Amino acid sequence: GIPTMAATVPGVTGSLWYGLVGPAGLPAEITAKANAAFNTILAQPDIVETLRRQQGAVAMGGPPEAFAAHIQGEMDRWTPIIRAAGIRAQ
């Protein structure tokens, strides 16, 4: 079989996350409106419970800047691993 990441990259951990992104240059008022709407949705107890039950997910909203920082952190974390492994998009 295929070895796990933990077997091939000692100490590696990972998590799955979802987010909504828009095109570069999206007007700030559109970003703010979409962010407010999704934060409202993610604060609803039935949505939180459904995500937890069906996907084992933790619903987390927040400001766009925090999500941008998370994405940058993931890129900083995974880019060296991807390059070292010689992985290329096909």
C-alpha atoms as a PDB file:
ATOM      1  CA  GLY A   1       0.000   0.000   0.000  1.00  0.00           C
ATOM      2  CA  ILE A   2       0.856   3.647   0.029  1.00  0.00           C
ATOM      3  CA  PRO A   3       2.706   4.786   3.158  1.00  0.00           C
ATOM      4  CA  THR A   4       1.132   7.441   5.332  1.00  0.00           C
ATOM      5  CA  MET A   5       2.530  10.954   5.523  1.00  0.00           C
ATOM      6  CA  ALA A   6       3.601  10.288   9.102  1.00  0.00           C
ATOM      7  CA  ALA A   7       5.635   7.287   7.917  1.00  0.00           C
ATOM      8  CA  THR A   8       7.455   9.275   5.244  1.00  0.00           C
ATOM      9  CA  VAL A   9       7.712  12.738   6.840  1.00  0.00           C
ATOM     10  CA  PRO A  10       8.434  12.309  10.568  1.00  0.00           C
ATOM     11  CA  GLY A  11       6.561  14.729  12.806  1.00  0.00           C
ATOM     12  CA  VAL A  12       4.148  15.898  10.119  1.00  0.00           C
ATOM     13  CA  THR A  13       0.581  16.663  11.109  1.00  0.00           C
ATOM     14  CA  GLY A  14      -2.252  17.984   9.027  1.00  0.00           C
ATOM     15  CA  SER A  15      -5.843  19.063   9.068  1.00  0.00           C
ATOM     16  CA  LEU A  16      -8.548  19.644   6.516  1.00  0.00           C
ATOM     17  CA  TRP A  17     -10.124  23.081   6.269  1.00  0.00           C
ATOM     18  CA  TYR A  18     -12.542  24.894   4.023  1.00  0.00           C
ATOM     19  CA  GLY A  19     -12.814  28.561   3.232  1.00  0.00           C
ATOM     20  CA  LEU A  20     -14.324  30.996   0.800  1.00  0.00           C
ATOM     21  CA  VAL A  21     -12.039  33.126  -1.354  1.00  0.00           C
ATOM     22  CA  GLY A  22     -12.704  35.696  -4.027  1.00  0.00           C
ATOM     23  CA  PRO A  23     -10.704  37.156  -6.874  1.00  0.00           C
ATOM     24  CA  ALA A  24      -7.844  39.565  -6.263  1.00  0.00           C
ATOM     25  CA  GLY A  25      -9.084  43.133  -6.090  1.00  0.00           C
ATOM     26  CA  LEU A  26     -12.561  42.224  -4.833  1.00  0.00           C
ATOM     27  CA  PRO A  27     -14.036  45.423  -3.372  1.00  0.00           C
ATOM     28  CA  ALA A  28     -13.742  45.579   0.424  1.00  0.00           C
ATOM     29  CA  GLU A  29     -17.479  46.146   0.862  1.00  0.00           C
ATOM     30  CA  ILE A  30     -18.272  42.877  -0.953  1.00  0.00           C
ATOM     31  CA  THR A  31     -15.690  41.014   1.116  1.00  0.00           C
ATOM     32  CA  ALA A  32     -17.136  42.472   4.330  1.00  0.00           C
ATOM     33  CA  LYS A  33     -20.717  41.610   3.367  1.00  0.00           C
ATOM     34  CA  ALA A  34     -19.846  38.018   2.428  1.00  0.00           C
ATOM     35  CA  ASN A  35     -17.742  37.623   5.568  1.00  0.00           C
ATOM     36  CA  ALA A  36     -20.576  38.853   7.789  1.00  0.00           C
ATOM     37  CA  ALA A  37     -23.046  36.490   6.113  1.00  0.00           C
ATOM     38  CA  PHE A  38     -20.813  33.448   6.500  1.00  0.00           C
ATOM     39  CA  ASN A  39     -19.925  34.305  10.098  1.00  0.00           C
ATOM     40  CA  THR A  40     -23.663  34.515  10.836  1.00  0.00           C
ATOM     41  CA  ILE A  41     -24.221  31.109   9.237  1.00  0.00           C
ATOM     42  CA  LEU A  42     -21.286  29.536  11.072  1.00  0.00           C
ATOM     43  CA  ALA A  43     -22.633  30.827  14.402  1.00  0.00           C
ATOM     44  CA  GLN A  44     -25.937  28.946  14.054  1.00  0.00           C
ATOM     45  CA  PRO A  45     -26.046  25.989  16.463  1.00  0.00           C
ATOM     46  CA  ASP A  46     -27.731  23.665  13.951  1.00  0.00           C
ATOM     47  CA  ILE A  47     -25.029  24.378  11.360  1.00  0.00           C
ATOM     48  CA  VAL A  48     -22.276  23.868  13.935  1.00  0.00           C
ATOM     49  CA  GLU A  49     -23.809  20.542  15.000  1.00  0.00           C
ATOM     50  CA  THR A  50     -24.365  19.330  11.429  1.00  0.00           C
ATOM     51  CA  LEU A  51     -20.758  20.069  10.479  1.00  0.00           C
ATOM     52  CA  ARG A  52     -19.515  18.322  13.614  1.00  0.00           C
ATOM     53  CA  ARG A  53     -21.738  15.273  13.186  1.00  0.00           C
ATOM     54  CA  GLN A  54     -21.415  14.768   9.431  1.00  0.00           C
ATOM     55  CA  GLN A  55     -17.804  15.809   8.864  1.00  0.00           C
ATOM     56  CA  GLY A  56     -16.156  15.949  12.274  1.00  0.00           C
ATOM     57  CA  ALA A  57     -15.558  19.615  11.478  1.00  0.00           C
ATOM     58  CA  VAL A  58     -15.253  22.535  13.842  1.00  0.00           C
ATOM     59  CA  ALA A  59     -17.086  25.563  12.434  1.00  0.00           C
ATOM     60  CA  MET A  60     -14.898  28.641  12.691  1.00  0.00           C
ATOM     61  CA  GLY A  61     -15.624  32.066  11.347  1.00  0.00           C
ATOM     62  CA  GLY A  62     -13.546  35.170  11.710  1.00  0.00           C
ATOM     63  CA  PRO A  63     -12.191  38.165   9.860  1.00  0.00           C
ATOM     64  CA  PRO A  64     -10.789  37.870   6.322  1.00  0.00           C
ATOM     65  CA  GLU A  65      -7.347  38.879   7.592  1.00  0.00           C
ATOM     66  CA  ALA A  66      -7.208  35.851   9.902  1.00  0.00           C
ATOM     67  CA  PHE A  67      -8.121  33.519   7.043  1.00  0.00           C
ATOM     68  CA  ALA A  68      -5.502  35.139   4.787  1.00  0.00           C
ATOM     69  CA  ALA A  69      -2.907  34.604   7.528  1.00  0.00           C
ATOM     70  CA  HIS A  70      -3.983  30.958   7.848  1.00  0.00           C
ATOM     71  CA  ILE A  71      -3.618  30.402   4.101  1.00  0.00           C
ATOM     72  CA  GLN A  72      -0.169  32.031   4.124  1.00  0.00           C
ATOM     73  CA  GLY A  73       0.852  29.855   7.059  1.00  0.00           C
ATOM     74  CA  GLU A  74      -0.250  26.723   5.221  1.00  0.00           C
ATOM     75  CA  MET A  75       1.700  27.790   2.137  1.00  0.00           C
ATOM     76  CA  ASP A  76       4.791  28.465   4.253  1.00  0.00           C
ATOM     77  CA  ARG A  77       4.412  25.064   5.887  1.00  0.00           C
ATOM     78  CA  TRP A  78       3.710  22.886   2.853  1.00  0.00           C
ATOM     79  CA  THR A  79       5.768  24.534   0.090  1.00  0.00           C
ATOM     80  CA  PRO A  80       9.129  23.169   1.332  1.00  0.00           C
ATOM     81  CA  ILE A  81       7.666  19.671   1.724  1.00  0.00           C
ATOM     82  CA  ILE A  82       6.141  19.756  -1.761  1.00  0.00           C
ATOM     83  CA  ARG A  83       9.390  21.018  -3.297  1.00  0.00           C
ATOM     84  CA  ALA A  84      11.536  18.480  -1.419  1.00  0.00           C
ATOM     85  CA  ALA A  85       9.275  15.680  -2.636  1.00  0.00           C
ATOM     86  CA  GLY A  86       9.390  16.947  -6.224  1.00  0.00           C
ATOM     87  CA  ILE A  87       5.605  17.121  -6.415  1.00  0.00           C
ATOM     88  CA  ARG A  88       4.278  18.894  -9.493  1.00  0.00           C
ATOM     89  CA  ALA A  89       0.767  19.782 -10.627  1.00  0.00           C
ATOM     90  CA  GLN A  90      -0.394  17.684 -13.557  1.00  0.00           C
END
